[in-house]
Full PDB file with SEQRES, HELIX, SHEET, SSBOND, CRYST1, ORIGX, SCALE, CONECT and MASTER records, all heavy atoms in Angstrom:
SEQRES   1 A   38  PRO LYS LEU ALA SER VAL PHE ILE ARG ASN ASN PHE ALA          
SEQRES   2 A   38  GLY GLN ILE GLY LYS GLY THR LEU PHE GLY LEU GLU THR          
SEQRES   3 A   38  LEU LYS LYS ASP MET PHE ASP ALA TYR THR ILE HIS              
HELIX    1 AA1 LEU A    3  SER A    5  5                                   3    
HELIX    2 AA2 THR A   20  ILE A   37  1                                  18    
CRYST1    1.000    1.000    1.000  90.00  90.00  90.00 P 1           1          
ORIGX1      1.000000  0.000000  0.000000        0.00000                         
ORIGX2      0.000000  1.000000  0.000000        0.00000                         
ORIGX3      0.000000  0.000000  1.000000        0.00000                         
SCALE1      1.000000  0.000000  0.000000        0.00000                         
SCALE2      0.000000  1.000000  0.000000        0.00000                         
SCALE3      0.000000  0.000000  1.000000        0.00000                         
ATOM      1  N   PRO A   1     135.559 159.408 169.878  1.00  0.00           N  
ATOM      2  CA  PRO A   1     135.136 158.005 169.919  1.00  0.00           C  
ATOM      3  C   PRO A   1     133.602 157.872 169.827  1.00  0.00           C  
ATOM      4  O   PRO A   1     133.060 157.003 169.161  1.00  0.00           O  
ATOM      5  CB  PRO A   1     135.683 157.448 171.178  1.00  0.00           C  
ATOM      6  CG  PRO A   1     136.935 158.262 171.523  1.00  0.00           C  
ATOM      7  CD  PRO A   1     136.521 159.621 170.982  1.00  0.00           C  
ATOM      8  N   LYS A   2     132.932 158.839 170.512  1.00  0.00           N  
ATOM      9  CA  LYS A   2     131.486 158.787 170.544  1.00  0.00           C  
ATOM     10  C   LYS A   2     130.880 159.236 169.246  1.00  0.00           C  
ATOM     11  O   LYS A   2     129.975 158.609 168.657  1.00  0.00           O  
ATOM     12  CB  LYS A   2     130.932 159.654 171.664  1.00  0.00           C  
ATOM     13  CG  LYS A   2     129.464 159.959 171.675  1.00  0.00           C  
ATOM     14  CD  LYS A   2     128.554 158.778 171.936  1.00  0.00           C  
ATOM     15  CE  LYS A   2     127.116 159.186 171.936  1.00  0.00           C  
ATOM     16  NZ  LYS A   2     126.235 158.028 172.207  1.00  0.00           N  
ATOM     17  N   LEU A   3     131.396 160.365 168.734  1.00  0.00           N  
ATOM     18  CA  LEU A   3     130.828 161.003 167.550  1.00  0.00           C  
ATOM     19  C   LEU A   3     131.176 160.285 166.236  1.00  0.00           C  
ATOM     20  O   LEU A   3     130.534 160.500 165.183  1.00  0.00           O  
ATOM     21  CB  LEU A   3     131.188 162.492 167.412  1.00  0.00           C  
ATOM     22  CG  LEU A   3     130.654 163.306 168.631  1.00  0.00           C  
ATOM     23  CD1 LEU A   3     131.198 164.775 168.495  1.00  0.00           C  
ATOM     24  CD2 LEU A   3     129.157 163.322 168.649  1.00  0.00           C  
ATOM     25  N   ALA A   4     132.251 159.465 166.261  1.00  0.00           N  
ATOM     26  CA  ALA A   4     132.677 158.759 165.027  1.00  0.00           C  
ATOM     27  C   ALA A   4     131.538 157.904 164.496  1.00  0.00           C  
ATOM     28  O   ALA A   4     131.440 157.719 163.290  1.00  0.00           O  
ATOM     29  CB  ALA A   4     133.913 157.896 165.336  1.00  0.00           C  
ATOM     30  N   SER A   5     130.710 157.332 165.398  1.00  0.00           N  
ATOM     31  CA  SER A   5     129.621 156.489 164.902  1.00  0.00           C  
ATOM     32  C   SER A   5     128.407 157.312 164.508  1.00  0.00           C  
ATOM     33  O   SER A   5     127.436 156.777 163.974  1.00  0.00           O  
ATOM     34  CB  SER A   5     129.180 155.558 166.028  1.00  0.00           C  
ATOM     35  OG  SER A   5     128.762 156.320 167.240  1.00  0.00           O  
ATOM     36  N   VAL A   6     128.409 158.625 164.832  1.00  0.00           N  
ATOM     37  CA  VAL A   6     127.316 159.516 164.429  1.00  0.00           C  
ATOM     38  C   VAL A   6     127.549 160.130 163.113  1.00  0.00           C  
ATOM     39  O   VAL A   6     126.619 160.351 162.325  1.00  0.00           O  
ATOM     40  CB  VAL A   6     127.135 160.499 165.549  1.00  0.00           C  
ATOM     41  CG1 VAL A   6     125.988 161.511 165.164  1.00  0.00           C  
ATOM     42  CG2 VAL A   6     126.749 159.897 166.924  1.00  0.00           C  
ATOM     43  N   PHE A   7     128.801 160.493 162.804  1.00  0.00           N  
ATOM     44  CA  PHE A   7     129.114 161.184 161.576  1.00  0.00           C  
ATOM     45  C   PHE A   7     128.968 160.249 160.373  1.00  0.00           C  
ATOM     46  O   PHE A   7     129.194 159.053 160.526  1.00  0.00           O  
ATOM     47  CB  PHE A   7     130.575 161.687 161.600  1.00  0.00           C  
ATOM     48  CG  PHE A   7     130.824 162.724 162.638  1.00  0.00           C  
ATOM     49  CD1 PHE A   7     132.058 162.914 163.219  1.00  0.00           C  
ATOM     50  CD2 PHE A   7     129.840 163.600 163.063  1.00  0.00           C  
ATOM     51  CE1 PHE A   7     132.298 163.841 164.183  1.00  0.00           C  
ATOM     52  CE2 PHE A   7     130.038 164.605 164.024  1.00  0.00           C  
ATOM     53  CZ  PHE A   7     131.282 164.715 164.569  1.00  0.00           C  
ATOM     54  N   ILE A   8     128.652 160.781 159.240  1.00  0.00           N  
ATOM     55  CA  ILE A   8     128.569 160.019 157.973  1.00  0.00           C  
ATOM     56  C   ILE A   8     129.997 159.788 157.474  1.00  0.00           C  
ATOM     57  O   ILE A   8     130.932 160.462 157.855  1.00  0.00           O  
ATOM     58  CB  ILE A   8     127.671 160.735 156.921  1.00  0.00           C  
ATOM     59  CG1 ILE A   8     128.409 161.963 156.417  1.00  0.00           C  
ATOM     60  CG2 ILE A   8     126.313 160.965 157.401  1.00  0.00           C  
ATOM     61  CD1 ILE A   8     127.726 162.540 155.201  1.00  0.00           C  
ATOM     62  N   ARG A   9     130.104 158.793 156.632  1.00  0.00           N  
ATOM     63  CA  ARG A   9     131.437 158.407 156.116  1.00  0.00           C  
ATOM     64  C   ARG A   9     132.056 159.591 155.350  1.00  0.00           C  
ATOM     65  O   ARG A   9     133.300 159.787 155.392  1.00  0.00           O  
ATOM     66  CB  ARG A   9     131.359 157.214 155.231  1.00  0.00           C  
ATOM     67  CG  ARG A   9     132.641 156.730 154.595  1.00  0.00           C  
ATOM     68  CD  ARG A   9     132.488 155.485 153.788  1.00  0.00           C  
ATOM     69  NE  ARG A   9     133.781 155.080 153.178  1.00  0.00           N  
ATOM     70  CZ  ARG A   9     134.307 155.517 152.062  1.00  0.00           C  
ATOM     71  NH1 ARG A   9     133.680 156.476 151.361  1.00  0.00           N  
ATOM     72  NH2 ARG A   9     135.456 155.062 151.641  1.00  0.00           N  
ATOM     73  N   ASN A  10     131.291 160.365 154.592  1.00  0.00           N  
ATOM     74  CA  ASN A  10     131.783 161.384 153.760  1.00  0.00           C  
ATOM     75  C   ASN A  10     131.916 162.733 154.401  1.00  0.00           C  
ATOM     76  O   ASN A  10     131.868 163.753 153.813  1.00  0.00           O  
ATOM     77  CB  ASN A  10     130.976 161.486 152.473  1.00  0.00           C  
ATOM     78  CG  ASN A  10     131.203 160.373 151.495  1.00  0.00           C  
ATOM     79  OD1 ASN A  10     131.920 159.362 151.857  1.00  0.00           O  
ATOM     80  ND2 ASN A  10     130.661 160.411 150.322  1.00  0.00           N  
ATOM     81  N   ASN A  11     132.012 162.693 155.740  1.00  0.00           N  
ATOM     82  CA  ASN A  11     132.372 163.860 156.528  1.00  0.00           C  
ATOM     83  C   ASN A  11     133.887 163.759 156.657  1.00  0.00           C  
ATOM     84  O   ASN A  11     134.410 162.940 157.505  1.00  0.00           O  
ATOM     85  CB  ASN A  11     131.668 163.883 157.875  1.00  0.00           C  
ATOM     86  CG  ASN A  11     132.016 165.069 158.723  1.00  0.00           C  
ATOM     87  OD1 ASN A  11     132.918 165.823 158.472  1.00  0.00           O  
ATOM     88  ND2 ASN A  11     131.195 165.229 159.757  1.00  0.00           N  
ATOM     89  N   PHE A  12     134.715 164.525 155.946  1.00  0.00           N  
ATOM     90  CA  PHE A  12     136.091 164.218 155.781  1.00  0.00           C  
ATOM     91  C   PHE A  12     137.025 164.784 156.868  1.00  0.00           C  
ATOM     92  O   PHE A  12     138.132 164.323 156.995  1.00  0.00           O  
ATOM     93  CB  PHE A  12     136.570 164.742 154.443  1.00  0.00           C  
ATOM     94  CG  PHE A  12     135.791 164.289 153.278  1.00  0.00           C  
ATOM     95  CD1 PHE A  12     135.331 165.187 152.294  1.00  0.00           C  
ATOM     96  CD2 PHE A  12     135.483 162.970 153.116  1.00  0.00           C  
ATOM     97  CE1 PHE A  12     134.529 164.766 151.221  1.00  0.00           C  
ATOM     98  CE2 PHE A  12     134.701 162.539 152.034  1.00  0.00           C  
ATOM     99  CZ  PHE A  12     134.268 163.483 151.125  1.00  0.00           C  
ATOM    100  N   ALA A  13     136.670 165.822 157.533  1.00  0.00           N  
ATOM    101  CA  ALA A  13     137.635 166.644 158.396  1.00  0.00           C  
ATOM    102  C   ALA A  13     137.752 166.042 159.769  1.00  0.00           C  
ATOM    103  O   ALA A  13     136.844 165.531 160.385  1.00  0.00           O  
ATOM    104  CB  ALA A  13     137.227 168.099 158.351  1.00  0.00           C  
ATOM    105  N   GLY A  14     138.937 166.315 160.355  1.00  0.00           N  
ATOM    106  CA  GLY A  14     139.178 166.219 161.806  1.00  0.00           C  
ATOM    107  C   GLY A  14     138.970 164.829 162.397  1.00  0.00           C  
ATOM    108  O   GLY A  14     138.721 164.729 163.604  1.00  0.00           O  
ATOM    109  N   GLN A  15     139.069 163.706 161.655  1.00  0.00           N  
ATOM    110  CA  GLN A  15     138.920 162.380 162.163  1.00  0.00           C  
ATOM    111  C   GLN A  15     140.063 161.497 161.731  1.00  0.00           C  
ATOM    112  O   GLN A  15     140.639 161.652 160.668  1.00  0.00           O  
ATOM    113  CB  GLN A  15     137.610 161.792 161.704  1.00  0.00           C  
ATOM    114  CG  GLN A  15     136.405 162.627 162.066  1.00  0.00           C  
ATOM    115  CD  GLN A  15     135.120 162.177 161.342  1.00  0.00           C  
ATOM    116  OE1 GLN A  15     134.553 161.142 161.641  1.00  0.00           O  
ATOM    117  NE2 GLN A  15     134.703 162.940 160.338  1.00  0.00           N  
ATOM    118  N   ILE A  16     140.402 160.524 162.623  1.00  0.00           N  
ATOM    119  CA  ILE A  16     141.476 159.646 162.328  1.00  0.00           C  
ATOM    120  C   ILE A  16     141.121 158.780 161.116  1.00  0.00           C  
ATOM    121  O   ILE A  16     140.029 158.316 160.956  1.00  0.00           O  
ATOM    122  CB  ILE A  16     141.730 158.679 163.540  1.00  0.00           C  
ATOM    123  CG1 ILE A  16     142.226 159.463 164.733  1.00  0.00           C  
ATOM    124  CG2 ILE A  16     142.820 157.629 163.217  1.00  0.00           C  
ATOM    125  CD1 ILE A  16     142.361 158.677 166.006  1.00  0.00           C  
ATOM    126  N   GLY A  17     142.093 158.685 160.165  1.00  0.00           N  
ATOM    127  CA  GLY A  17     141.871 157.931 158.961  1.00  0.00           C  
ATOM    128  C   GLY A  17     141.183 158.728 157.829  1.00  0.00           C  
ATOM    129  O   GLY A  17     141.018 158.213 156.732  1.00  0.00           O  
ATOM    130  N   LYS A  18     140.895 160.003 158.094  1.00  0.00           N  
ATOM    131  CA  LYS A  18     140.293 160.863 157.026  1.00  0.00           C  
ATOM    132  C   LYS A  18     141.181 162.067 156.849  1.00  0.00           C  
ATOM    133  O   LYS A  18     142.290 162.100 157.263  1.00  0.00           O  
ATOM    134  CB  LYS A  18     138.852 161.215 157.436  1.00  0.00           C  
ATOM    135  CG  LYS A  18     137.903 159.991 157.577  1.00  0.00           C  
ATOM    136  CD  LYS A  18     136.454 160.466 157.815  1.00  0.00           C  
ATOM    137  CE  LYS A  18     135.588 159.240 157.897  1.00  0.00           C  
ATOM    138  NZ  LYS A  18     134.208 159.683 158.158  1.00  0.00           N  
ATOM    139  N   GLY A  19     140.673 163.100 156.179  1.00  0.00           N  
ATOM    140  CA  GLY A  19     141.396 164.289 155.920  1.00  0.00           C  
ATOM    141  C   GLY A  19     141.320 164.694 154.513  1.00  0.00           C  
ATOM    142  O   GLY A  19     140.455 164.147 153.747  1.00  0.00           O  
ATOM    143  N   THR A  20     142.192 165.521 154.007  1.00  0.00           N  
ATOM    144  CA  THR A  20     142.060 166.089 152.615  1.00  0.00           C  
ATOM    145  C   THR A  20     142.287 164.993 151.605  1.00  0.00           C  
ATOM    146  O   THR A  20     141.650 164.984 150.555  1.00  0.00           O  
ATOM    147  CB  THR A  20     143.118 167.205 152.414  1.00  0.00           C  
ATOM    148  OG1 THR A  20     144.403 166.732 152.739  1.00  0.00           O  
ATOM    149  CG2 THR A  20     142.735 168.416 153.270  1.00  0.00           C  
ATOM    150  N   LEU A  21     143.230 164.142 151.862  1.00  0.00           N  
ATOM    151  CA  LEU A  21     143.517 163.016 150.849  1.00  0.00           C  
ATOM    152  C   LEU A  21     142.281 162.096 150.679  1.00  0.00           C  
ATOM    153  O   LEU A  21     141.852 161.744 149.621  1.00  0.00           O  
ATOM    154  CB  LEU A  21     144.774 162.266 151.241  1.00  0.00           C  
ATOM    155  CG  LEU A  21     145.062 161.013 150.330  1.00  0.00           C  
ATOM    156  CD1 LEU A  21     145.237 161.439 148.882  1.00  0.00           C  
ATOM    157  CD2 LEU A  21     146.281 160.256 150.870  1.00  0.00           C  
ATOM    158  N   PHE A  22     141.701 161.675 151.855  1.00  0.00           N  
ATOM    159  CA  PHE A  22     140.541 160.892 151.839  1.00  0.00           C  
ATOM    160  C   PHE A  22     139.386 161.582 151.111  1.00  0.00           C  
ATOM    161  O   PHE A  22     138.656 160.935 150.320  1.00  0.00           O  
ATOM    162  CB  PHE A  22     140.154 160.519 153.255  1.00  0.00           C  
ATOM    163  CG  PHE A  22     138.835 159.678 153.352  1.00  0.00           C  
ATOM    164  CD1 PHE A  22     138.934 158.314 153.209  1.00  0.00           C  
ATOM    165  CD2 PHE A  22     137.658 160.292 153.686  1.00  0.00           C  
ATOM    166  CE1 PHE A  22     137.725 157.546 153.279  1.00  0.00           C  
ATOM    167  CE2 PHE A  22     136.563 159.540 153.815  1.00  0.00           C  
ATOM    168  CZ  PHE A  22     136.573 158.162 153.626  1.00  0.00           C  
ATOM    169  N   GLY A  23     139.219 162.861 151.390  1.00  0.00           N  
ATOM    170  CA  GLY A  23     138.202 163.636 150.728  1.00  0.00           C  
ATOM    171  C   GLY A  23     138.375 163.729 149.258  1.00  0.00           C  
ATOM    172  O   GLY A  23     137.443 163.620 148.466  1.00  0.00           O  
ATOM    173  N   LEU A  24     139.651 163.972 148.867  1.00  0.00           N  
ATOM    174  CA  LEU A  24     139.948 164.093 147.443  1.00  0.00           C  
ATOM    175  C   LEU A  24     139.697 162.767 146.705  1.00  0.00           C  
ATOM    176  O   LEU A  24     139.117 162.700 145.590  1.00  0.00           O  
ATOM    177  CB  LEU A  24     141.403 164.514 147.265  1.00  0.00           C  
ATOM    178  CG  LEU A  24     141.843 165.047 145.905  1.00  0.00           C  
ATOM    179  CD1 LEU A  24     141.022 166.261 145.505  1.00  0.00           C  
ATOM    180  CD2 LEU A  24     143.300 165.328 145.875  1.00  0.00           C  
ATOM    181  N   GLU A  25     140.137 161.662 147.287  1.00  0.00           N  
ATOM    182  CA  GLU A  25     139.924 160.357 146.644  1.00  0.00           C  
ATOM    183  C   GLU A  25     138.393 160.033 146.554  1.00  0.00           C  
ATOM    184  O   GLU A  25     137.945 159.413 145.590  1.00  0.00           O  
ATOM    185  CB  GLU A  25     140.703 159.305 147.427  1.00  0.00           C  
ATOM    186  CG  GLU A  25     142.216 159.385 147.396  1.00  0.00           C  
ATOM    187  CD  GLU A  25     142.719 159.315 145.935  1.00  0.00           C  
ATOM    188  OE1 GLU A  25     142.179 158.525 145.135  1.00  0.00           O  
ATOM    189  OE2 GLU A  25     143.645 160.057 145.576  1.00  0.00           O  
ATOM    190  N   THR A  26     137.665 160.359 147.599  1.00  0.00           N  
ATOM    191  CA  THR A  26     136.226 160.148 147.550  1.00  0.00           C  
ATOM    192  C   THR A  26     135.550 160.937 146.477  1.00  0.00           C  
ATOM    193  O   THR A  26     134.669 160.423 145.793  1.00  0.00           O  
ATOM    194  CB  THR A  26     135.577 160.498 148.964  1.00  0.00           C  
ATOM    195  OG1 THR A  26     136.223 159.677 149.998  1.00  0.00           O  
ATOM    196  CG2 THR A  26     134.092 160.218 148.978  1.00  0.00           C  
ATOM    197  N   LEU A  27     135.977 162.224 146.331  1.00  0.00           N  
ATOM    198  CA  LEU A  27     135.405 163.045 145.271  1.00  0.00           C  
ATOM    199  C   LEU A  27     135.723 162.439 143.906  1.00  0.00           C  
ATOM    200  O   LEU A  27     134.831 162.405 143.020  1.00  0.00           O  
ATOM    201  CB  LEU A  27     136.001 164.448 145.375  1.00  0.00           C  
ATOM    202  CG  LEU A  27     135.732 165.386 144.184  1.00  0.00           C  
ATOM    203  CD1 LEU A  27     134.201 165.617 144.096  1.00  0.00           C  
ATOM    204  CD2 LEU A  27     136.467 166.721 144.319  1.00  0.00           C  
ATOM    205  N   LYS A  28     136.913 161.994 143.696  1.00  0.00           N  
ATOM    206  CA  LYS A  28     137.297 161.338 142.408  1.00  0.00           C  
ATOM    207  C   LYS A  28     136.425 160.163 142.120  1.00  0.00           C  
ATOM    208  O   LYS A  28     135.915 159.998 141.022  1.00  0.00           O  
ATOM    209  CB  LYS A  28     138.770 160.905 142.460  1.00  0.00           C  
ATOM    210  CG  LYS A  28     139.801 161.964 142.435  1.00  0.00           C  
ATOM    211  CD  LYS A  28     141.213 161.391 142.469  1.00  0.00           C  
ATOM    212  CE  LYS A  28     142.239 162.459 142.509  1.00  0.00           C  
ATOM    213  NZ  LYS A  28     143.623 161.864 142.614  1.00  0.00           N  
ATOM    214  N   LYS A  29     136.205 159.343 143.131  1.00  0.00           N  
ATOM    215  CA  LYS A  29     135.360 158.112 142.995  1.00  0.00           C  
ATOM    216  C   LYS A  29     133.909 158.525 142.684  1.00  0.00           C  
ATOM    217  O   LYS A  29     133.250 157.990 141.798  1.00  0.00           O  
ATOM    218  CB  LYS A  29     135.421 157.263 144.227  1.00  0.00           C  
ATOM    219  CG  LYS A  29     134.641 155.934 144.091  1.00  0.00           C  
ATOM    220  CD  LYS A  29     134.752 155.149 145.377  1.00  0.00           C  
ATOM    221  CE  LYS A  29     133.999 153.771 145.215  1.00  0.00           C  
ATOM    222  NZ  LYS A  29     132.610 153.928 144.812  1.00  0.00           N  
ATOM    223  N   ASP A  30     133.398 159.498 143.419  1.00  0.00           N  
ATOM    224  CA  ASP A  30     132.024 160.024 143.206  1.00  0.00           C  
ATOM    225  C   ASP A  30     131.855 160.489 141.790  1.00  0.00           C  
ATOM    226  O   ASP A  30     130.826 160.207 141.085  1.00  0.00           O  
ATOM    227  CB  ASP A  30     131.682 161.089 144.194  1.00  0.00           C  
ATOM    228  CG  ASP A  30     131.357 160.537 145.552  1.00  0.00           C  
ATOM    229  OD1 ASP A  30     131.288 159.296 145.697  1.00  0.00           O  
ATOM    230  OD2 ASP A  30     131.257 161.335 146.550  1.00  0.00           O  
ATOM    231  N   MET A  31     132.762 161.311 141.301  1.00  0.00           N  
ATOM    232  CA  MET A  31     132.703 161.865 139.936  1.00  0.00           C  
ATOM    233  C   MET A  31     132.780 160.733 138.855  1.00  0.00           C  
ATOM    234  O   MET A  31     132.076 160.779 137.911  1.00  0.00           O  
ATOM    235  CB  MET A  31     133.818 162.902 139.693  1.00  0.00           C  
ATOM    236  CG  MET A  31     133.646 164.110 140.586  1.00  0.00           C  
ATOM    237  SD  MET A  31     134.863 165.432 140.199  1.00  0.00           S  
ATOM    238  CE  MET A  31     134.314 165.963 138.540  1.00  0.00           C  
ATOM    239  N   PHE A  32     133.679 159.762 139.122  1.00  0.00           N  
ATOM    240  CA  PHE A  32     133.823 158.749 138.110  1.00  0.00           C  
ATOM    241  C   PHE A  32     132.586 157.823 138.078  1.00  0.00           C  
ATOM    242  O   PHE A  32     132.130 157.444 137.012  1.00  0.00           O  
ATOM    243  CB  PHE A  32     135.081 157.919 138.383  1.00  0.00           C  
ATOM    244  CG  PHE A  32     135.268 156.826 137.367  1.00  0.00           C  
ATOM    245  CD1 PHE A  32     135.884 157.150 136.181  1.00  0.00           C  
ATOM    246  CD2 PHE A  32     134.964 155.512 137.646  1.00  0.00           C  
ATOM    247  CE1 PHE A  32     136.139 156.140 135.224  1.00  0.00           C  
ATOM    248  CE2 PHE A  32     135.224 154.509 136.726  1.00  0.00           C  
ATOM    249  CZ  PHE A  32     135.838 154.854 135.472  1.00  0.00           C  
ATOM    250  N   ASP A  33     132.065 157.522 139.289  1.00  0.00           N  
ATOM    251  CA  ASP A  33     130.880 156.623 139.332  1.00  0.00           C  
ATOM    252  C   ASP A  33     129.670 157.323 138.665  1.00  0.00           C  
ATOM    253  O   ASP A  33     128.865 156.733 137.974  1.00  0.00           O  
ATOM    254  CB  ASP A  33     130.539 156.301 140.804  1.00  0.00           C  
ATOM    255  CG  ASP A  33     131.519 155.365 141.417  1.00  0.00           C  
ATOM    256  OD1 ASP A  33     132.343 154.773 140.626  1.00  0.00           O  
ATOM    257  OD2 ASP A  33     131.518 155.177 142.633  1.00  0.00           O  
ATOM    258  N   ALA A  34     129.467 158.629 139.016  1.00  0.00           N  
ATOM    259  CA  ALA A  34     128.350 159.382 138.382  1.00  0.00           C  
ATOM    260  C   ALA A  34     128.552 159.488 136.878  1.00  0.00           C  
ATOM    261  O   ALA A  34     127.548 159.350 136.155  1.00  0.00           O  
ATOM    262  CB  ALA A  34     128.337 160.764 138.958  1.00  0.00           C  
ATOM    263  N   TYR A  35     129.792 159.688 136.430  1.00  0.00           N  
ATOM    264  CA  TYR A  35     130.003 159.763 134.985  1.00  0.00           C  
ATOM    265  C   TYR A  35     129.757 158.391 134.311  1.00  0.00           C  
ATOM    266  O   TYR A  35     129.225 158.383 133.179  1.00  0.00           O  
ATOM    267  CB  TYR A  35     131.514 160.206 134.795  1.00  0.00           C  
ATOM    268  CG  TYR A  35     131.938 160.006 133.340  1.00  0.00           C  
ATOM    269  CD1 TYR A  35     131.590 160.904 132.328  1.00  0.00           C  
ATOM    270  CD2 TYR A  35     132.801 158.947 133.006  1.00  0.00           C  
ATOM    271  CE1 TYR A  35     132.047 160.744 131.035  1.00  0.00           C  
ATOM    272  CE2 TYR A  35     133.265 158.757 131.706  1.00  0.00           C  
ATOM    273  CZ  TYR A  35     132.893 159.652 130.763  1.00  0.00           C  
ATOM    274  OH  TYR A  35     133.333 159.480 129.455  1.00  0.00           O  
ATOM    275  N   THR A  36     130.132 157.328 134.952  1.00  0.00           N  
ATOM    276  CA  THR A  36     129.963 156.009 134.399  1.00  0.00           C  
ATOM    277  C   THR A  36     128.498 155.711 134.172  1.00  0.00           C  
ATOM    278  O   THR A  36     128.120 155.073 133.180  1.00  0.00           O  
ATOM    279  CB  THR A  36     130.570 154.938 135.338  1.00  0.00           C  
ATOM    280  OG1 THR A  36     131.963 155.199 135.502  1.00  0.00           O  
ATOM    281  CG2 THR A  36     130.359 153.558 134.743  1.00  0.00           C  
ATOM    282  N   ILE A  37     127.637 156.236 135.085  1.00  0.00           N  
ATOM    283  CA  ILE A  37     126.198 155.874 135.039  1.00  0.00           C  
ATOM    284  C   ILE A  37     125.451 156.916 134.102  1.00  0.00           C  
ATOM    285  O   ILE A  37     124.641 156.536 133.287  1.00  0.00           O  
ATOM    286  CB  ILE A  37     125.592 155.947 136.372  1.00  0.00           C  
ATOM    287  CG1 ILE A  37     126.179 154.827 137.249  1.00  0.00           C  
ATOM    288  CG2 ILE A  37     124.023 155.668 136.327  1.00  0.00           C  
ATOM    289  CD1 ILE A  37     125.769 154.828 138.709  1.00  0.00           C  
ATOM    290  N   HIS A  38     125.786 158.192 134.250  1.00  0.00           N  
ATOM    291  CA  HIS A  38     124.982 159.257 133.587  1.00  0.00           C  
ATOM    292  C   HIS A  38     125.721 159.972 132.457  1.00  0.00           C  
ATOM    293  O   HIS A  38     125.189 160.853 131.832  1.00  0.00           O  
ATOM    294  CB  HIS A  38     124.482 160.257 134.600  1.00  0.00           C  
ATOM    295  CG  HIS A  38     123.682 159.640 135.728  1.00  0.00           C  
ATOM    296  ND1 HIS A  38     122.402 159.162 135.562  1.00  0.00           N  
ATOM    297  CD2 HIS A  38     124.066 159.440 137.016  1.00  0.00           C  
ATOM    298  CE1 HIS A  38     121.983 158.683 136.726  1.00  0.00           C  
ATOM    299  NE2 HIS A  38     122.968 158.854 137.653  1.00  0.00           N  
TER     300      HIS A  38                                                      
MASTER        0    0    0    2    0    0    0    6  299    1    0    3          
END                                                                             
């Protein structure tokens, strides 16, 4: 509860609501957004 407010959003492991699926979906979005711009 304390560290949840300290960690950045894209720290994927060991937290409620995150995990491998969240990390994978974030990576897909990052790659698509970067590709769209550059």
